[in-house]
Amino acid sequence: MINALLLAVSEEQLRSKLCGDLPLVILGSIIAAIGVAAVVVQLSRWQSGERVLLWFGLFAGPYGLRLLTNTTPFQMAFGELRVVWPFVSKLVEFATLVPALLLFEDFYGKGWRSSVRWLI
């Protein structure tokens, strides 16, 4: 009787956690798919000098993956290594930093030095 009660409580907690993580799973999947699609489109038009889609895709793909790695369903699907998942999440988070900065540079230019070069 007590085992059934404990199992029911844990099932209810798991169901609640899975329902809470569902928006992150959906959003992470959509963002990762958009990132992959951006990289594929950029590779198909490689001759153009613009790299905005490449940087966006290399930023959005890992960001969506980071959202997915923080969810319970993803962690349950790939094993419950509670020690490993925070490191994977941080590694993916740091991997998004360089493409994000390159995307920022493509949007806003090289910075204040290039805009005041004529003064020097």
PDB file of N, CA and C in Angstrom:
ATOM      1  N   MET A   1       0.816  -1.193   0.000  1.00  0.00           N
ATOM      2  CA  MET A   1       0.000   0.000   0.000  1.00  0.00           C
ATOM      3  C   MET A   1       0.861   1.259   0.000  1.00  0.00           C
ATOM      4  N   ILE A   2       1.881   1.261   0.852  1.00  0.00           N
ATOM      5  CA  ILE A   2       2.748   2.438   0.941  1.00  0.00           C
ATOM      6  C   ILE A   2       3.563   2.584  -0.345  1.00  0.00           C
ATOM      7  N   ASN A   3       4.035   1.474  -0.909  1.00  0.00           N
ATOM      8  CA  ASN A   3       4.785   1.540  -2.165  1.00  0.00           C
ATOM      9  C   ASN A   3       3.931   2.105  -3.289  1.00  0.00           C
ATOM     10  N   ALA A   4       2.668   1.713  -3.356  1.00  0.00           N
ATOM     11  CA  ALA A   4       1.761   2.236  -4.379  1.00  0.00           C
ATOM     12  C   ALA A   4       1.542   3.725  -4.180  1.00  0.00           C
ATOM     13  N   LEU A   5       1.447   4.162  -2.916  1.00  0.00           N
ATOM     14  CA  LEU A   5       1.261   5.586  -2.628  1.00  0.00           C
ATOM     15  C   LEU A   5       2.502   6.376  -3.018  1.00  0.00           C
ATOM     16  N   LEU A   6       3.682   5.860  -2.692  1.00  0.00           N
ATOM     17  CA  LEU A   6       4.922   6.536  -3.071  1.00  0.00           C
ATOM     18  C   LEU A   6       5.098   6.584  -4.580  1.00  0.00           C
ATOM     19  N   LEU A   7       4.738   5.488  -5.250  1.00  0.00           N
ATOM     20  CA  LEU A   7       4.823   5.446  -6.696  1.00  0.00           C
ATOM     21  C   LEU A   7       3.859   6.440  -7.329  1.00  0.00           C
ATOM     22  N   ALA A   8       2.660   6.560  -6.788  1.00  0.00           N
ATOM     23  CA  ALA A   8       1.675   7.510  -7.311  1.00  0.00           C
ATOM     24  C   ALA A   8       2.146   8.946  -7.116  1.00  0.00           C
ATOM     25  N   VAL A   9       2.751   9.236  -5.974  1.00  0.00           N
ATOM     26  CA  VAL A   9       3.258  10.590  -5.723  1.00  0.00           C
ATOM     27  C   VAL A   9       4.394  10.897  -6.678  1.00  0.00           C
ATOM     28  N   SER A  10       5.305   9.961  -6.854  1.00  0.00           N
ATOM     29  CA  SER A  10       6.432  10.218  -7.740  1.00  0.00           C
ATOM     30  C   SER A  10       5.974  10.319  -9.196  1.00  0.00           C
ATOM     31  N   GLU A  11       4.956   9.527  -9.581  1.00  0.00           N
ATOM     32  CA  GLU A  11       4.425   9.639 -10.937  1.00  0.00           C
ATOM     33  C   GLU A  11       3.772  10.990 -11.148  1.00  0.00           C
ATOM     34  N   GLU A  12       3.057  11.471 -10.138  1.00  0.00           N
ATOM     35  CA  GLU A  12       2.413  12.783 -10.241  1.00  0.00           C
ATOM     36  C   GLU A  12       3.459  13.893 -10.314  1.00  0.00           C
ATOM     37  N   GLN A  13       4.509  13.778  -9.537  1.00  0.00           N
ATOM     38  CA  GLN A  13       5.579  14.772  -9.594  1.00  0.00           C
ATOM     39  C   GLN A  13       6.269  14.746 -10.944  1.00  0.00           C
ATOM     40  N   LEU A  14       6.504  13.550 -11.475  1.00  0.00           N
ATOM     41  CA  LEU A  14       7.130  13.426 -12.785  1.00  0.00           C
ATOM     42  C   LEU A  14       6.237  14.001 -13.879  1.00  0.00           C
ATOM     43  N   ARG A  15       4.954  13.703 -13.818  1.00  0.00           N
ATOM     44  CA  ARG A  15       4.005  14.241 -14.799  1.00  0.00           C
ATOM     45  C   ARG A  15       3.981  15.775 -14.728  1.00  0.00           C
ATOM     46  N   SER A  16       4.004  16.317 -13.523  1.00  0.00           N
ATOM     47  CA  SER A  16       4.015  17.770 -13.352  1.00  0.00           C
ATOM     48  C   SER A  16       5.291  18.383 -13.921  1.00  0.00           C
ATOM     49  N   LYS A  17       6.413  17.731 -13.671  1.00  0.00           N
ATOM     50  CA  LYS A  17       7.699  18.220 -14.195  1.00  0.00           C
ATOM     51  C   LYS A  17       7.737  18.150 -15.712  1.00  0.00           C
ATOM     52  N   LEU A  18       7.213  17.064 -16.279  1.00  0.00           N
ATOM     53  CA  LEU A  18       7.192  16.919 -17.737  1.00  0.00           C
ATOM     54  C   LEU A  18       6.285  17.967 -18.378  1.00  0.00           C
ATOM     55  N   CYS A  19       5.143  18.221 -17.764  1.00  0.00           N
ATOM     56  CA  CYS A  19       4.241  19.255 -18.304  1.00  0.00           C
ATOM     57  C   CYS A  19       4.856  20.639 -18.178  1.00  0.00           C
ATOM     58  N   GLY A  20       5.617  20.865 -17.128  1.00  0.00           N
ATOM     59  CA  GLY A  20       6.293  22.157 -16.959  1.00  0.00           C
ATOM     60  C   GLY A  20       7.410  22.360 -17.965  1.00  0.00           C
ATOM     61  N   ASP A  21       8.053  21.272 -18.367  1.00  0.00           N
ATOM     62  CA  ASP A  21       9.160  21.359 -19.316  1.00  0.00           C
ATOM     63  C   ASP A  21       8.717  21.326 -20.771  1.00  0.00           C
ATOM     64  N   LEU A  22       7.459  21.037 -21.026  1.00  0.00           N
ATOM     65  CA  LEU A  22       6.981  20.921 -22.403  1.00  0.00           C
ATOM     66  C   LEU A  22       7.194  22.188 -23.231  1.00  0.00           C
ATOM     67  N   PRO A  23       6.925  23.397 -22.700  1.00  0.00           N
ATOM     68  CA  PRO A  23       7.208  24.592 -23.508  1.00  0.00           C
ATOM     69  C   PRO A  23       8.686  24.743 -23.867  1.00  0.00           C
ATOM     70  N   LEU A  24       9.580  24.374 -22.947  1.00  0.00           N
ATOM     71  CA  LEU A  24      11.014  24.467 -23.246  1.00  0.00           C
ATOM     72  C   LEU A  24      11.431  23.446 -24.299  1.00  0.00           C
ATOM     73  N   VAL A  25      10.836  22.268 -24.261  1.00  0.00           N
ATOM     74  CA  VAL A  25      11.145  21.251 -25.272  1.00  0.00           C
ATOM     75  C   VAL A  25      10.707  21.750 -26.647  1.00  0.00           C
ATOM     76  N   ILE A  26       9.495  22.281 -26.722  1.00  0.00           N
ATOM     77  CA  ILE A  26       8.988  22.780 -28.000  1.00  0.00           C
ATOM     78  C   ILE A  26       9.820  23.958 -28.487  1.00  0.00           C
ATOM     79  N   LEU A  27      10.068  24.926 -27.610  1.00  0.00           N
ATOM     80  CA  LEU A  27      10.834  26.117 -28.000  1.00  0.00           C
ATOM     81  C   LEU A  27      12.267  25.755 -28.375  1.00  0.00           C
ATOM     82  N   GLY A  28      12.903  24.895 -27.592  1.00  0.00           N
ATOM     83  CA  GLY A  28      14.267  24.480 -27.903  1.00  0.00           C
ATOM     84  C   GLY A  28      14.355  23.749 -29.225  1.00  0.00           C
ATOM     85  N   SER A  29      13.382  22.898 -29.499  1.00  0.00           N
ATOM     86  CA  SER A  29      13.373  22.172 -30.776  1.00  0.00           C
ATOM     87  C   SER A  29      13.197  23.120 -31.950  1.00  0.00           C
ATOM     88  N   ILE A  30      12.295  24.094 -31.814  1.00  0.00           N
ATOM     89  CA  ILE A  30      12.059  25.053 -32.898  1.00  0.00           C
ATOM     90  C   ILE A  30      13.294  25.907 -33.139  1.00  0.00           C
ATOM     91  N   ILE A  31      13.907  26.406 -32.067  1.00  0.00           N
ATOM     92  CA  ILE A  31      15.094  27.262 -32.223  1.00  0.00           C
ATOM     93  C   ILE A  31      16.250  26.471 -32.816  1.00  0.00           C
ATOM     94  N   ALA A  32      16.460  25.235 -32.373  1.00  0.00           N
ATOM     95  CA  ALA A  32      17.536  24.407 -32.931  1.00  0.00           C
ATOM     96  C   ALA A  32      17.287  24.111 -34.405  1.00  0.00           C
ATOM     97  N   ALA A  33      16.029  23.841 -34.776  1.00  0.00           N
ATOM     98  CA  ALA A  33      15.707  23.570 -36.183  1.00  0.00           C
ATOM     99  C   ALA A  33      15.906  24.808 -37.041  1.00  0.00           C
ATOM    100  N   ILE A  34      15.552  25.969 -36.535  1.00  0.00           N
ATOM    101  CA  ILE A  34      15.783  27.221 -37.276  1.00  0.00           C
ATOM    102  C   ILE A  34      17.279  27.456 -37.451  1.00  0.00           C
ATOM    103  N   GLY A  35      18.062  27.157 -36.424  1.00  0.00           N
ATOM    104  CA  GLY A  35      19.512  27.312 -36.528  1.00  0.00           C
ATOM    105  C   GLY A  35      20.117  26.393 -37.574  1.00  0.00           C
ATOM    106  N   VAL A  36      19.673  25.145 -37.590  1.00  0.00           N
ATOM    107  CA  VAL A  36      20.172  24.194 -38.592  1.00  0.00           C
ATOM    108  C   VAL A  36      19.755  24.636 -39.989  1.00  0.00           C
ATOM    109  N   ALA A  37      18.511  25.107 -40.133  1.00  0.00           N
ATOM    110  CA  ALA A  37      18.029  25.574 -41.434  1.00  0.00           C
ATOM    111  C   ALA A  37      18.820  26.788 -41.912  1.00  0.00           C
ATOM    112  N   ALA A  38      19.173  27.692 -40.996  1.00  0.00           N
ATOM    113  CA  ALA A  38      19.961  28.863 -41.377  1.00  0.00           C
ATOM    114  C   ALA A  38      21.343  28.466 -41.876  1.00  0.00           C
ATOM    115  N   VAL A  39      21.962  27.490 -41.226  1.00  0.00           N
ATOM    116  CA  VAL A  39      23.282  27.025 -41.668  1.00  0.00           C
ATOM    117  C   VAL A  39      23.176  26.355 -43.035  1.00  0.00           C
ATOM    118  N   VAL A  40      22.129  25.564 -43.254  1.00  0.00           N
ATOM    119  CA  VAL A  40      21.953  24.897 -44.549  1.00  0.00           C
ATOM    120  C   VAL A  40      21.739  25.924 -45.652  1.00  0.00           C
ATOM    121  N   VAL A  41      20.924  26.948 -45.399  1.00  0.00           N
ATOM    122  CA  VAL A  41      20.700  28.001 -46.406  1.00  0.00           C
ATOM    123  C   VAL A  41      21.994  28.746 -46.685  1.00  0.00           C
ATOM    124  N   GLN A  42      22.768  29.037 -45.647  1.00  0.00           N
ATOM    125  CA  GLN A  42      24.040  29.734 -45.844  1.00  0.00           C
ATOM    126  C   GLN A  42      25.003  28.887 -46.662  1.00  0.00           C
ATOM    127  N   LEU A  43      25.051  27.591 -46.410  1.00  0.00           N
ATOM    128  CA  LEU A  43      25.944  26.726 -47.177  1.00  0.00           C
ATOM    129  C   LEU A  43      25.515  26.617 -48.637  1.00  0.00           C
ATOM    130  N   SER A  44      24.208  26.749 -48.890  1.00  0.00           N
ATOM    131  CA  SER A  44      23.746  26.682 -50.281  1.00  0.00           C
ATOM    132  C   SER A  44      24.074  27.950 -51.054  1.00  0.00           C
ATOM    133  N   ARG A  45      24.250  29.054 -50.361  1.00  0.00           N
ATOM    134  CA  ARG A  45      24.617  30.305 -51.028  1.00  0.00           C
ATOM    135  C   ARG A  45      25.975  30.806 -50.520  1.00  0.00           C
ATOM    136  N   TRP A  46      26.928  29.916 -50.480  1.00  0.00           N
ATOM    137  CA  TRP A  46      28.257  30.190 -49.939  1.00  0.00           C
ATOM    138  C   TRP A  46      29.017  31.267 -50.722  1.00  0.00           C
ATOM    139  N   GLN A  47      28.697  31.444 -51.995  1.00  0.00           N
ATOM    140  CA  GLN A  47      29.427  32.399 -52.831  1.00  0.00           C
ATOM    141  C   GLN A  47      29.189  33.844 -52.406  1.00  0.00           C
ATOM    142  N   SER A  48      28.074  34.121 -51.758  1.00  0.00           N
ATOM    143  CA  SER A  48      27.835  35.487 -51.302  1.00  0.00           C
ATOM    144  C   SER A  48      28.794  35.813 -50.161  1.00  0.00           C
ATOM    145  N   GLY A  49      29.144  37.063 -50.037  1.00  0.00           N
ATOM    146  CA  GLY A  49      30.098  37.457 -49.008  1.00  0.00           C
ATOM    147  C   GLY A  49      29.496  37.600 -47.630  1.00  0.00           C
ATOM    148  N   GLU A  50      28.187  37.541 -47.511  1.00  0.00           N
ATOM    149  CA  GLU A  50      27.536  37.717 -46.221  1.00  0.00           C
ATOM    150  C   GLU A  50      27.582  36.428 -45.403  1.00  0.00           C
ATOM    151  N   ARG A  51      27.815  36.561 -44.143  1.00  0.00           N
ATOM    152  CA  ARG A  51      27.880  35.414 -43.248  1.00  0.00           C
ATOM    153  C   ARG A  51      26.874  35.522 -42.099  1.00  0.00           C
ATOM    154  N   VAL A  52      25.882  36.404 -42.236  1.00  0.00           N
ATOM    155  CA  VAL A  52      24.923  36.627 -41.165  1.00  0.00           C
ATOM    156  C   VAL A  52      24.144  35.352 -40.858  1.00  0.00           C
ATOM    157  N   LEU A  53      23.685  34.638 -41.886  1.00  0.00           N
ATOM    158  CA  LEU A  53      22.932  33.401 -41.652  1.00  0.00           C
ATOM    159  C   LEU A  53      23.793  32.328 -40.995  1.00  0.00           C
ATOM    160  N   LEU A  54      25.057  32.281 -41.348  1.00  0.00           N
ATOM    161  CA  LEU A  54      25.953  31.306 -40.727  1.00  0.00           C
ATOM    162  C   LEU A  54      26.096  31.578 -39.242  1.00  0.00           C
ATOM    163  N   TRP A  55      26.370  32.839 -38.882  1.00  0.00           N
ATOM    164  CA  TRP A  55      26.537  33.182 -37.467  1.00  0.00           C
ATOM    165  C   TRP A  55      25.235  33.003 -36.705  1.00  0.00           C
ATOM    166  N   PHE A  56      24.116  33.355 -37.348  1.00  0.00           N
ATOM    167  CA  PHE A  56      22.819  33.167 -36.694  1.00  0.00           C
ATOM    168  C   PHE A  56      22.547  31.682 -36.463  1.00  0.00           C
ATOM    169  N   GLY A  57      22.815  30.868 -37.460  1.00  0.00           N
ATOM    170  CA  GLY A  57      22.585  29.431 -37.321  1.00  0.00           C
ATOM    171  C   GLY A  57      23.490  28.792 -36.285  1.00  0.00           C
ATOM    172  N   LEU A  58      24.760  29.212 -36.264  1.00  0.00           N
ATOM    173  CA  LEU A  58      25.695  28.662 -35.278  1.00  0.00           C
ATOM    174  C   LEU A  58      25.402  29.164 -33.870  1.00  0.00           C
ATOM    175  N   PHE A  59      24.642  30.262 -33.773  1.00  0.00           N
ATOM    176  CA  PHE A  59      24.192  30.729 -32.461  1.00  0.00           C
ATOM    177  C   PHE A  59      22.888  30.060 -32.053  1.00  0.00           C
ATOM    178  N   ALA A  60      21.921  30.019 -32.957  1.00  0.00           N
ATOM    179  CA  ALA A  60      20.591  29.515 -32.629  1.00  0.00           C
ATOM    180  C   ALA A  60      20.575  28.001 -32.405  1.00  0.00           C
ATOM    181  N   GLY A  61      21.340  27.256 -33.194  1.00  0.00           N
ATOM    182  CA  GLY A  61      21.359  25.802 -33.032  1.00  0.00           C
ATOM    183  C   GLY A  61      21.802  25.366 -31.647  1.00  0.00           C
ATOM    184  N   PRO A  62      22.975  25.781 -31.201  1.00  0.00           N
ATOM    185  CA  PRO A  62      23.397  25.394 -29.845  1.00  0.00           C
ATOM    186  C   PRO A  62      22.526  26.000 -28.738  1.00  0.00           C
ATOM    187  N   TYR A  63      21.967  27.186 -28.979  1.00  0.00           N
ATOM    188  CA  TYR A  63      21.089  27.769 -27.963  1.00  0.00           C
ATOM    189  C   TYR A  63      19.833  26.905 -27.780  1.00  0.00           C
ATOM    190  N   GLY A  64      19.253  26.456 -28.889  1.00  0.00           N
ATOM    191  CA  GLY A  64      18.116  25.543 -28.794  1.00  0.00           C
ATOM    192  C   GLY A  64      18.505  24.238 -28.122  1.00  0.00           C
ATOM    193  N   LEU A  65      19.704  23.753 -28.419  1.00  0.00           N
ATOM    194  CA  LEU A  65      20.200  22.536 -27.778  1.00  0.00           C
ATOM    195  C   LEU A  65      20.381  22.746 -26.273  1.00  0.00           C
ATOM    196  N   ARG A  66      20.835  23.923 -25.889  1.00  0.00           N
ATOM    197  CA  ARG A  66      20.984  24.232 -24.461  1.00  0.00           C
ATOM    198  C   ARG A  66      19.634  24.231 -23.753  1.00  0.00           C
ATOM    199  N   LEU A  67      18.622  24.792 -24.422  1.00  0.00           N
ATOM    200  CA  LEU A  67      17.279  24.750 -23.834  1.00  0.00           C
ATOM    201  C   LEU A  67      16.810  23.311 -23.661  1.00  0.00           C
ATOM    202  N   LEU A  68      17.114  22.476 -24.639  1.00  0.00           N
ATOM    203  CA  LEU A  68      16.701  21.070 -24.557  1.00  0.00           C
ATOM    204  C   LEU A  68      17.440  20.311 -23.459  1.00  0.00           C
ATOM    205  N   THR A  69      18.729  20.573 -23.296  1.00  0.00           N
ATOM    206  CA  THR A  69      19.499  19.819 -22.294  1.00  0.00           C
ATOM    207  C   THR A  69      19.084  20.152 -20.879  1.00  0.00           C
ATOM    208  N   ASN A  70      18.400  21.266 -20.675  1.00  0.00           N
ATOM    209  CA  ASN A  70      17.947  21.636 -19.332  1.00  0.00           C
ATOM    210  C   ASN A  70      16.582  21.059 -18.982  1.00  0.00           C
ATOM    211  N   THR A  71      15.989  20.258 -19.854  1.00  0.00           N
ATOM    212  CA  THR A  71      14.659  19.712 -19.594  1.00  0.00           C
ATOM    213  C   THR A  71      14.746  18.268 -19.104  1.00  0.00           C
ATOM    214  N   THR A  72      13.762  17.888 -18.330  1.00  0.00           N
ATOM    215  CA  THR A  72      13.700  16.526 -17.786  1.00  0.00           C
ATOM    216  C   THR A  72      13.521  15.470 -18.872  1.00  0.00           C
ATOM    217  N   PRO A  73      12.636  15.666 -19.867  1.00  0.00           N
ATOM    218  CA  PRO A  73      12.493  14.617 -20.885  1.00  0.00           C
ATOM    219  C   PRO A  73      13.781  14.336 -21.652  1.00  0.00           C
ATOM    220  N   PHE A  74      14.534  15.363 -21.979  1.00  0.00           N
ATOM    221  CA  PHE A  74      15.794  15.177 -22.693  1.00  0.00           C
ATOM    222  C   PHE A  74      16.787  14.411 -21.825  1.00  0.00           C
ATOM    223  N   GLN A  75      16.870  14.783 -20.560  1.00  0.00           N
ATOM    224  CA  GLN A  75      17.795  14.108 -19.653  1.00  0.00           C
ATOM    225  C   GLN A  75      17.379  12.671 -19.409  1.00  0.00           C
ATOM    226  N   MET A  76      16.070  12.410 -19.365  1.00  0.00           N
ATOM    227  CA  MET A  76      15.606  11.032 -19.190  1.00  0.00           C
ATOM    228  C   MET A  76      15.863  10.206 -20.442  1.00  0.00           C
ATOM    229  N   ALA A  77      15.748  10.815 -21.611  1.00  0.00           N
ATOM    230  CA  ALA A  77      15.950  10.087 -22.865  1.00  0.00           C
ATOM    231  C   ALA A  77      17.408   9.693 -23.066  1.00  0.00           C
ATOM    232  N   PHE A  78      18.327  10.519 -22.596  1.00  0.00           N
ATOM    233  CA  PHE A  78      19.747  10.249 -22.812  1.00  0.00           C
ATOM    234  C   PHE A  78      20.463   9.827 -21.541  1.00  0.00           C
ATOM    235  N   GLY A  79      19.738   9.420 -20.548  1.00  0.00           N
ATOM    236  CA  GLY A  79      20.349   8.930 -19.312  1.00  0.00           C
ATOM    237  C   GLY A  79      20.311   9.979 -18.231  1.00  0.00           C
ATOM    238  N   GLU A  80      20.241   9.510 -17.023  1.00  0.00           N
ATOM    239  CA  GLU A  80      20.139  10.419 -15.897  1.00  0.00           C
ATOM    240  C   GLU A  80      21.509  10.616 -15.251  1.00  0.00           C
ATOM    241  N   LEU A  81      22.421  11.160 -15.975  1.00  0.00           N
ATOM    242  CA  LEU A  81      23.737  11.477 -15.427  1.00  0.00           C
ATOM    243  C   LEU A  81      23.683  12.907 -14.895  1.00  0.00           C
ATOM    244  N   ARG A  82      23.209  13.061 -13.685  1.00  0.00           N
ATOM    245  CA  ARG A  82      22.980  14.393 -13.115  1.00  0.00           C
ATOM    246  C   ARG A  82      24.269  15.201 -12.978  1.00  0.00           C
ATOM    247  N   VAL A  83      25.388  14.524 -12.926  1.00  0.00           N
ATOM    248  CA  VAL A  83      26.665  15.222 -12.807  1.00  0.00           C
ATOM    249  C   VAL A  83      27.095  15.785 -14.155  1.00  0.00           C
ATOM    250  N   VAL A  84      26.756  15.108 -15.236  1.00  0.00           N
ATOM    251  CA  VAL A  84      27.229  15.485 -16.571  1.00  0.00           C
ATOM    252  C   VAL A  84      26.405  16.607 -17.180  1.00  0.00           C
ATOM    253  N   TRP A  85      25.078  16.627 -16.976  1.00  0.00           N
ATOM    254  CA  TRP A  85      24.216  17.575 -17.670  1.00  0.00           C
ATOM    255  C   TRP A  85      24.540  19.044 -17.395  1.00  0.00           C
ATOM    256  N   PRO A  86      24.892  19.452 -16.167  1.00  0.00           N
ATOM    257  CA  PRO A  86      25.284  20.867 -15.999  1.00  0.00           C
ATOM    258  C   PRO A  86      26.529  21.239 -16.806  1.00  0.00           C
ATOM    259  N   PHE A  87      27.480  20.324 -16.930  1.00  0.00           N
ATOM    260  CA  PHE A  87      28.678  20.605 -17.720  1.00  0.00           C
ATOM    261  C   PHE A  87      28.360  20.683 -19.206  1.00  0.00           C
ATOM    262  N   VAL A  88      27.496  19.794 -19.688  1.00  0.00           N
ATOM    263  CA  VAL A  88      27.080  19.830 -21.092  1.00  0.00           C
ATOM    264  C   VAL A  88      26.355  21.131 -21.384  1.00  0.00           C
ATOM    265  N   SER A  89      25.479  21.534 -20.481  1.00  0.00           N
ATOM    266  CA  SER A  89      24.735  22.775 -20.663  1.00  0.00           C
ATOM    267  C   SER A  89      25.672  23.983 -20.712  1.00  0.00           C
ATOM    268  N   LYS A  90      26.638  24.042 -19.821  1.00  0.00           N
ATOM    269  CA  LYS A  90      27.596  25.161 -19.814  1.00  0.00           C
ATOM    270  C   LYS A  90      28.499  25.137 -21.042  1.00  0.00           C
ATOM    271  N   LEU A  91      28.911  23.957 -21.481  1.00  0.00           N
ATOM    272  CA  LEU A  91      29.746  23.842 -22.670  1.00  0.00           C
ATOM    273  C   LEU A  91      29.003  24.358 -23.897  1.00  0.00           C
ATOM    274  N   VAL A  92      27.759  23.968 -24.037  1.00  0.00           N
ATOM    275  CA  VAL A  92      26.956  24.439 -25.167  1.00  0.00           C
ATOM    276  C   VAL A  92      26.716  25.936 -25.046  1.00  0.00           C
ATOM    277  N   GLU A  93      26.504  26.416 -23.827  1.00  0.00           N
ATOM    278  CA  GLU A  93      26.301  27.848 -23.602  1.00  0.00           C
ATOM    279  C   GLU A  93      27.542  28.651 -24.007  1.00  0.00           C
ATOM    280  N   PHE A  94      28.714  28.177 -23.653  1.00  0.00           N
ATOM    281  CA  PHE A  94      29.943  28.866 -24.045  1.00  0.00           C
ATOM    282  C   PHE A  94      30.192  28.769 -25.542  1.00  0.00           C
ATOM    283  N   ALA A  95      29.738  27.686 -26.161  1.00  0.00           N
ATOM    284  CA  ALA A  95      29.911  27.519 -27.605  1.00  0.00           C
ATOM    285  C   ALA A  95      29.065  28.518 -28.384  1.00  0.00           C
ATOM    286  N   THR A  96      28.021  29.051 -27.789  1.00  0.00           N
ATOM    287  CA  THR A  96      27.185  30.032 -28.484  1.00  0.00           C
ATOM    288  C   THR A  96      27.760  31.433 -28.413  1.00  0.00           C
ATOM    289  N   LEU A  97      28.742  31.653 -27.558  1.00  0.00           N
ATOM    290  CA  LEU A  97      29.267  33.003 -27.357  1.00  0.00           C
ATOM    291  C   LEU A  97      29.981  33.553 -28.592  1.00  0.00           C
ATOM    292  N   VAL A  98      30.846  32.772 -29.207  1.00  0.00           N
ATOM    293  CA  VAL A  98      31.612  33.251 -30.363  1.00  0.00           C
ATOM    294  C   VAL A  98      30.708  33.561 -31.554  1.00  0.00           C
ATOM    295  N   PRO A  99      29.791  32.665 -31.963  1.00  0.00           N
ATOM    296  CA  PRO A  99      28.893  33.034 -33.060  1.00  0.00           C
ATOM    297  C   PRO A  99      28.001  34.234 -32.728  1.00  0.00           C
ATOM    298  N   ALA A 100      27.612  34.370 -31.458  1.00  0.00           N
ATOM    299  CA  ALA A 100      26.797  35.528 -31.073  1.00  0.00           C
ATOM    300  C   ALA A 100      27.586  36.819 -31.252  1.00  0.00           C
ATOM    301  N   LEU A 101      28.846  36.816 -30.871  1.00  0.00           N
ATOM    302  CA  LEU A 101      29.679  38.012 -31.045  1.00  0.00           C
ATOM    303  C   LEU A 101      29.941  38.301 -32.518  1.00  0.00           C
ATOM    304  N   LEU A 102      30.142  37.271 -33.321  1.00  0.00           N
ATOM    305  CA  LEU A 102      30.337  37.478 -34.752  1.00  0.00           C
ATOM    306  C   LEU A 102      29.060  37.985 -35.426  1.00  0.00           C
ATOM    307  N   LEU A 103      27.916  37.505 -34.980  1.00  0.00           N
ATOM    308  CA  LEU A 103      26.639  38.013 -35.485  1.00  0.00           C
ATOM    309  C   LEU A 103      26.461  39.473 -35.097  1.00  0.00           C
ATOM    310  N   PHE A 104      26.784  39.808 -33.874  1.00  0.00           N
ATOM    311  CA  PHE A 104      26.721  41.192 -33.404  1.00  0.00           C
ATOM    312  C   PHE A 104      27.642  42.088 -34.225  1.00  0.00           C
ATOM    313  N   GLU A 105      28.848  41.589 -34.521  1.00  0.00           N
ATOM    314  CA  GLU A 105      29.791  42.358 -35.318  1.00  0.00           C
ATOM    315  C   GLU A 105      29.274  42.564 -36.739  1.00  0.00           C
ATOM    316  N   ASP A 106      28.625  41.559 -37.323  1.00  0.00           N
ATOM    317  CA  ASP A 106      28.056  41.726 -38.658  1.00  0.00           C
ATOM    318  C   ASP A 106      26.942  42.759 -38.668  1.00  0.00           C
ATOM    319  N   PHE A 107      26.169  42.825 -37.604  1.00  0.00           N
ATOM    320  CA  PHE A 107      25.078  43.797 -37.544  1.00  0.00           C
ATOM    321  C   PHE A 107      25.583  45.207 -37.281  1.00  0.00           C
ATOM    322  N   TYR A 108      26.529  45.364 -36.372  1.00  0.00           N
ATOM    323  CA  TYR A 108      26.929  46.690 -35.914  1.00  0.00           C
ATOM    324  C   TYR A 108      28.310  47.140 -36.360  1.00  0.00           C
ATOM    325  N   GLY A 109      29.052  46.334 -37.066  1.00  0.00           N
ATOM    326  CA  GLY A 109      30.368  46.731 -37.547  1.00  0.00           C
ATOM    327  C   GLY A 109      31.469  46.387 -36.563  1.00  0.00           C
ATOM    328  N   LYS A 110      32.667  46.849 -36.887  1.00  0.00           N
ATOM    329  CA  LYS A 110      33.848  46.510 -36.089  1.00  0.00           C
ATOM    330  C   LYS A 110      33.918  47.255 -34.763  1.00  0.00           C
ATOM    331  N   GLY A 111      33.182  48.314 -34.601  1.00  0.00           N
ATOM    332  CA  GLY A 111      33.199  49.032 -33.329  1.00  0.00           C
ATOM    333  C   GLY A 111      33.579  50.480 -33.503  1.00  0.00           C
ATOM    334  N   TRP A 112      33.876  51.112 -32.403  1.00  0.00           N
ATOM    335  CA  TRP A 112      34.126  52.543 -32.419  1.00  0.00           C
ATOM    336  C   TRP A 112      35.402  52.895 -33.166  1.00  0.00           C
ATOM    337  N   ARG A 113      36.375  52.020 -33.211  1.00  0.00           N
ATOM    338  CA  ARG A 113      37.636  52.329 -33.902  1.00  0.00           C
ATOM    339  C   ARG A 113      37.430  52.501 -35.402  1.00  0.00           C
ATOM    340  N   SER A 114      36.556  51.694 -35.994  1.00  0.00           N
ATOM    341  CA  SER A 114      36.328  51.818 -37.429  1.00  0.00           C
ATOM    342  C   SER A 114      35.516  53.062 -37.752  1.00  0.00           C
ATOM    343  N   SER A 115      34.685  53.519 -36.823  1.00  0.00           N
ATOM    344  CA  SER A 115      33.869  54.694 -37.092  1.00  0.00           C
ATOM    345  C   SER A 115      34.643  55.991 -36.893  1.00  0.00           C
ATOM    346  N   VAL A 116      35.727  55.984 -36.120  1.00  0.00           N
ATOM    347  CA  VAL A 116      36.516  57.196 -35.909  1.00  0.00           C
ATOM    348  C   VAL A 116      37.892  57.098 -36.541  1.00  0.00           C
ATOM    349  N   ARG A 117      38.048  56.205 -37.471  1.00  0.00           N
ATOM    350  CA  ARG A 117      39.344  56.017 -38.120  1.00  0.00           C
ATOM    351  C   ARG A 117      39.790  57.288 -38.833  1.00  0.00           C
ATOM    352  N   TRP A 118      38.861  58.042 -39.360  1.00  0.00           N
ATOM    353  CA  TRP A 118      39.182  59.263 -40.089  1.00  0.00           C
ATOM    354  C   TRP A 118      39.771  60.319 -39.161  1.00  0.00           C
ATOM    355  N   LEU A 119      39.583  60.226 -37.842  1.00  0.00           N
ATOM    356  CA  LEU A 119      40.157  61.185 -36.913  1.00  0.00           C
ATOM    357  C   LEU A 119      41.637  60.936 -36.662  1.00  0.00           C
ATOM    358  N   ILE A 120      42.067  59.705 -36.831  1.00  0.00           N
ATOM    359  CA  ILE A 120      43.442  59.352 -36.490  1.00  0.00           C
ATOM    360  C   ILE A 120      44.380  59.659 -37.628  1.00  0.00           C
TER     361      ILE A 120
END
